[in-house]
Structures are given as C-alpha cells and as structure tokens.
C-alpha atoms as a PDB file:
ATOM      1  CA  MET A   1     143.125  70.620 187.400  1.00  0.00           C
ATOM      2  CA  ARG A   2     139.824  69.986 185.765  1.00  0.00           C
ATOM      3  CA  ARG A   3     139.015  71.609 182.419  1.00  0.00           C
ATOM      4  CA  THR A   4     135.513  72.460 181.376  1.00  0.00           C
ATOM      5  CA  PHE A   5     134.647  72.720 177.713  1.00  0.00           C
ATOM      6  CA  LEU A   6     131.645  74.357 176.160  1.00  0.00           C
ATOM      7  CA  PRO A   7     129.474  72.124 174.035  1.00  0.00           C
ATOM      8  CA  LEU A   8     129.889  72.905 170.346  1.00  0.00           C
ATOM      9  CA  HIS A   9     126.440  74.492 169.995  1.00  0.00           C
ATOM     10  CA  ALA A  10     127.117  76.822 172.949  1.00  0.00           C
ATOM     11  CA  PHE A  11     130.497  77.825 171.489  1.00  0.00           C
ATOM     12  CA  THR A  12     128.903  78.530 168.102  1.00  0.00           C
ATOM     13  CA  ALA A  13     126.186  80.633 169.736  1.00  0.00           C
ATOM     14  CA  LEU A  14     128.782  82.568 171.728  1.00  0.00           C
ATOM     15  CA  CYS A  15     130.768  83.321 168.562  1.00  0.00           C
ATOM     16  CA  ALA A  16     127.609  84.498 166.780  1.00  0.00           C
ATOM     17  CA  VAL A  17     126.744  86.868 169.630  1.00  0.00           C
ATOM     18  CA  ALA A  18     130.313  88.199 169.732  1.00  0.00           C
ATOM     19  CA  SER A  19     130.169  89.059 166.045  1.00  0.00           C
ATOM     20  CA  PHE A  20     127.072  91.234 166.607  1.00  0.00           C
ATOM     21  CA  VAL A  21     128.477  92.909 169.691  1.00  0.00           C
ATOM     22  CA  ALA A  22     131.711  94.005 167.980  1.00  0.00           C
ATOM     23  CA  PRO A  23     132.069  97.778 168.214  1.00  0.00           C
ATOM     24  CA  ALA A  24     130.901  99.734 165.180  1.00  0.00           C
ATOM     25  CA  ALA A  25     134.080 101.796 165.289  1.00  0.00           C
ATOM     26  CA  ALA A  26     136.035  98.715 164.294  1.00  0.00           C
ATOM     27  CA  ALA A  27     134.039  98.461 161.079  1.00  0.00           C
ATOM     28  CA  GLY A  28     135.613 100.001 158.010  1.00  0.00           C
ATOM     29  CA  PRO A  29     133.883 101.969 155.295  1.00  0.00           C
ATOM     30  CA  MET A  30     131.329 100.373 153.003  1.00  0.00           C
ATOM     31  CA  SER A  31     132.629  99.025 149.737  1.00  0.00           C
ATOM     32  CA  GLU A  32     132.180 101.233 146.703  1.00  0.00           C
ATOM     33  CA  GLU A  33     129.503  98.875 145.368  1.00  0.00           C
ATOM     34  CA  LYS A  34     127.499  98.993 148.615  1.00  0.00           C
ATOM     35  CA  ALA A  35     127.847 102.779 148.874  1.00  0.00           C
ATOM     36  CA  LEU A  36     126.698 103.176 145.267  1.00  0.00           C
ATOM     37  CA  ALA A  37     123.689 100.914 145.891  1.00  0.00           C
ATOM     38  CA  THR A  38     122.805 103.017 148.959  1.00  0.00           C
ATOM     39  CA  ALA A  39     123.105 106.268 146.984  1.00  0.00           C
ATOM     40  CA  VAL A  40     120.946 104.862 144.175  1.00  0.00           C
ATOM     41  CA  SER A  41     118.239 103.797 146.642  1.00  0.00           C
ATOM     42  CA  ILE A  42     118.222 107.295 148.180  1.00  0.00           C
ATOM     43  CA  LEU A  43     118.038 109.038 144.799  1.00  0.00           C
ATOM     44  CA  GLN A  44     115.657 106.720 142.962  1.00  0.00           C
ATOM     45  CA  GLY A  45     112.491 108.524 141.956  1.00  0.00           C
ATOM     46  CA  ASP A  46     111.630 111.890 140.482  1.00  0.00           C
ATOM     47  CA  PRO A  47     113.750 113.818 139.406  1.00  0.00           C
ATOM     48  CA  TYR A  48     116.807 111.495 139.536  1.00  0.00           C
ATOM     49  CA  GLY A  49     115.370 108.499 137.689  1.00  0.00           C
ATOM     50  CA  ASP A  50     112.747 105.821 138.122  1.00  0.00           C
ATOM     51  CA  THR A  51     115.090 102.857 137.670  1.00  0.00           C
ATOM     52  CA  PRO A  52     118.424 102.023 139.315  1.00  0.00           C
ATOM     53  CA  GLN A  53     120.059 102.096 135.868  1.00  0.00           C
ATOM     54  CA  THR A  54     118.825 105.623 135.165  1.00  0.00           C
ATOM     55  CA  VAL A  55     119.996 106.863 138.553  1.00  0.00           C
ATOM     56  CA  ARG A  56     123.437 105.226 138.094  1.00  0.00           C
ATOM     57  CA  ALA A  57     123.758 106.902 134.694  1.00  0.00           C
ATOM     58  CA  GLY A  58     123.462 110.281 136.440  1.00  0.00           C
ATOM     59  CA  ILE A  59     126.283 109.578 138.919  1.00  0.00           C
ATOM     60  CA  PHE A  60     129.483 110.867 137.344  1.00  0.00           C
ATOM     61  CA  GLU A  61     131.970 110.718 140.191  1.00  0.00           C
ATOM     62  CA  ARG A  62     132.480 108.776 143.430  1.00  0.00           C
ATOM     63  CA  ARG A  63     134.945 109.666 146.176  1.00  0.00           C
ATOM     64  CA  LEU A  64     135.882 108.137 149.501  1.00  0.00           C
ATOM     65  CA  GLY A  65     137.490 110.627 151.860  1.00  0.00           C
ATOM     66  CA  PRO A  66     137.205 112.683 155.028  1.00  0.00           C
ATOM     67  CA  ARG A  67     134.077 114.740 155.575  1.00  0.00           C
ATOM     68  CA  HIS A  68     135.953 118.054 155.664  1.00  0.00           C
ATOM     69  CA  ASP A  69     137.063 117.476 152.039  1.00  0.00           C
ATOM     70  CA  THR A  70     133.454 117.333 150.803  1.00  0.00           C
ATOM     71  CA  VAL A  71     130.823 119.952 149.979  1.00  0.00           C
ATOM     72  CA  CYS A  72     129.825 119.704 153.651  1.00  0.00           C
ATOM     73  CA  LYS A  73     132.977 121.755 154.443  1.00  0.00           C
ATOM     74  CA  GLN A  74     132.871 120.867 158.113  1.00  0.00           C
ATOM     75  CA  GLY A  75     133.113 117.991 160.475  1.00  0.00           C
ATOM     76  CA  ALA A  76     135.788 115.677 161.633  1.00  0.00           C
ATOM     77  CA  ASP A  77     137.939 113.307 159.652  1.00  0.00           C
ATOM     78  CA  ARG A  78     135.106 110.784 159.552  1.00  0.00           C
ATOM     79  CA  GLN A  79     135.092 108.942 156.230  1.00  0.00           C
ATOM     80  CA  THR A  80     132.366 109.678 153.700  1.00  0.00           C
ATOM     81  CA  TRP A  81     131.359 108.569 150.241  1.00  0.00           C
ATOM     82  CA  SER A  82     130.607 111.518 147.934  1.00  0.00           C
ATOM     83  CA  PHE A  83     128.624 111.151 144.714  1.00  0.00           C
ATOM     84  CA  HIS A  84     128.511 113.813 141.989  1.00  0.00           C
ATOM     85  CA  VAL A  85     125.048 113.689 140.454  1.00  0.00           C
ATOM     86  CA  VAL A  86     124.043 115.376 137.196  1.00  0.00           C
ATOM     87  CA  VAL A  87     120.602 115.224 135.603  1.00  0.00           C
ATOM     88  CA  ALA A  88     120.658 117.165 132.329  1.00  0.00           C
ATOM     89  CA  SER A  89     116.897 117.429 131.774  1.00  0.00           C
ATOM     90  CA  PRO A  90     114.761 116.459 134.753  1.00  0.00           C
ATOM     91  CA  GLN A  91     111.174 115.681 133.767  1.00  0.00           C
ATOM     92  CA  THR A  92     109.752 117.917 136.474  1.00  0.00           C
ATOM     93  CA  GLN A  93     112.118 120.803 135.652  1.00  0.00           C
ATOM     94  CA  PRO A  94     112.379 121.043 131.843  1.00  0.00           C
ATOM     95  CA  GLY A  95     115.424 123.112 130.927  1.00  0.00           C
ATOM     96  CA  GLY A  96     116.636 123.057 134.526  1.00  0.00           C
ATOM     97  CA  LYS A  97     119.802 121.031 134.960  1.00  0.00           C
ATOM     98  CA  ILE A  98     120.515 119.385 138.342  1.00  0.00           C
ATOM     99  CA  ASP A  99     124.190 119.305 139.305  1.00  0.00           C
ATOM    100  CA  GLY A 100     125.222 118.577 142.889  1.00  0.00           C
ATOM    101  CA  TRP A 101     126.625 116.185 145.456  1.00  0.00           C
ATOM    102  CA  LEU A 102     125.245 113.526 147.776  1.00  0.00           C
ATOM    103  CA  VAL A 103     127.527 112.785 150.743  1.00  0.00           C
ATOM    104  CA  LEU A 104     126.987 109.625 152.814  1.00  0.00           C
ATOM    105  CA  ASP A 105     128.600 108.429 156.022  1.00  0.00           C
ATOM    106  CA  ALA A 106     130.983 105.708 154.824  1.00  0.00           C
ATOM    107  CA  ARG A 107     130.061 103.268 157.607  1.00  0.00           C
ATOM    108  CA  THR A 108     126.320 103.745 158.046  1.00  0.00           C
ATOM    109  CA  GLY A 109     125.180 105.016 154.636  1.00  0.00           C
ATOM    110  CA  ARG A 110     123.227 107.871 156.228  1.00  0.00           C
ATOM    111  CA  ILE A 111     123.081 111.218 154.455  1.00  0.00           C
ATOM    112  CA  VAL A 112     125.667 113.633 155.842  1.00  0.00           C
ATOM    113  CA  CYS A 113     124.747 116.487 153.512  1.00  0.00           C
ATOM    114  CA  ALA A 114     123.584 117.113 149.948  1.00  0.00           C
ATOM    115  CA  THR A 115     123.585 119.952 147.460  1.00  0.00           C
ATOM    116  CA  LEU A 116     120.742 118.392 145.472  1.00  0.00           C
ATOM    117  CA  PRO A 117     117.054 119.344 145.355  1.00  0.00           C
ATOM    118  CA  PHE A 118     114.629 117.346 147.500  1.00  0.00           C
ATOM    119  CA  LEU A 119     117.394 115.981 149.763  1.00  0.00           C
ATOM    120  CA  ASP A 120     117.924 118.851 152.195  1.00  0.00           C
END
C-alpha cells in the first residue's frame, strides 16, 4: 500500500481554507468587549457622544441572552447583546433625556432592534 502525503504548504493552505469554511452556526457569541466595541461604533456621533469614551460612559447595562428576553419581545432563542443607553442631556435635545436599549445579534453584531432615537 502506497501512502501519499501532502506537501507542508498544501496542508497549511488546506487548513486555512477549512477555518474560513467552518459553519457560522458553530461560532459562539461575541465576547463582551467585542460587543461593546460594536455598540460604541454604532452609537458614536450626535446625540450619543463624539468619542468612544463618551459613548461608553452612557452605557449603563450590558446583557447577553435570548432575543425574546429583550425589548424586541419577539424572535427565537437566538443570542443577543443588549445595551442600556442613557444620555442625560443630549446637545441636540436640551432638557430631553435619552433612555433606551440597543440590541445586537450576538454573533454578527448587526442591530436586531433599538428603542433609541436615530436607530430605528
């Protein structure tokens, strides 16, 4: 019986391709740090804050859980990251407090729903 071996560079290339082809369903949720960075990038700008630090200061709660346990109130058990955002005095709405939620898909970082102005 004759055995054939792949050259090392071909084996390495095959492993690299396999890592990209892995099904997305096998991927778990984003880490809390990555989810927070995604939320900050979505919110950055008027009225939530012009710097990442300002935006982060307005995020008071973070939750990982199923979509049906969020403000979205519907959907499957798909995991989401929920962020409670409060801006006491937005520059564009003096005297008008912003208080709501941003809900992201825990794997992709896409917005699932939001109860915040300018994100609907």
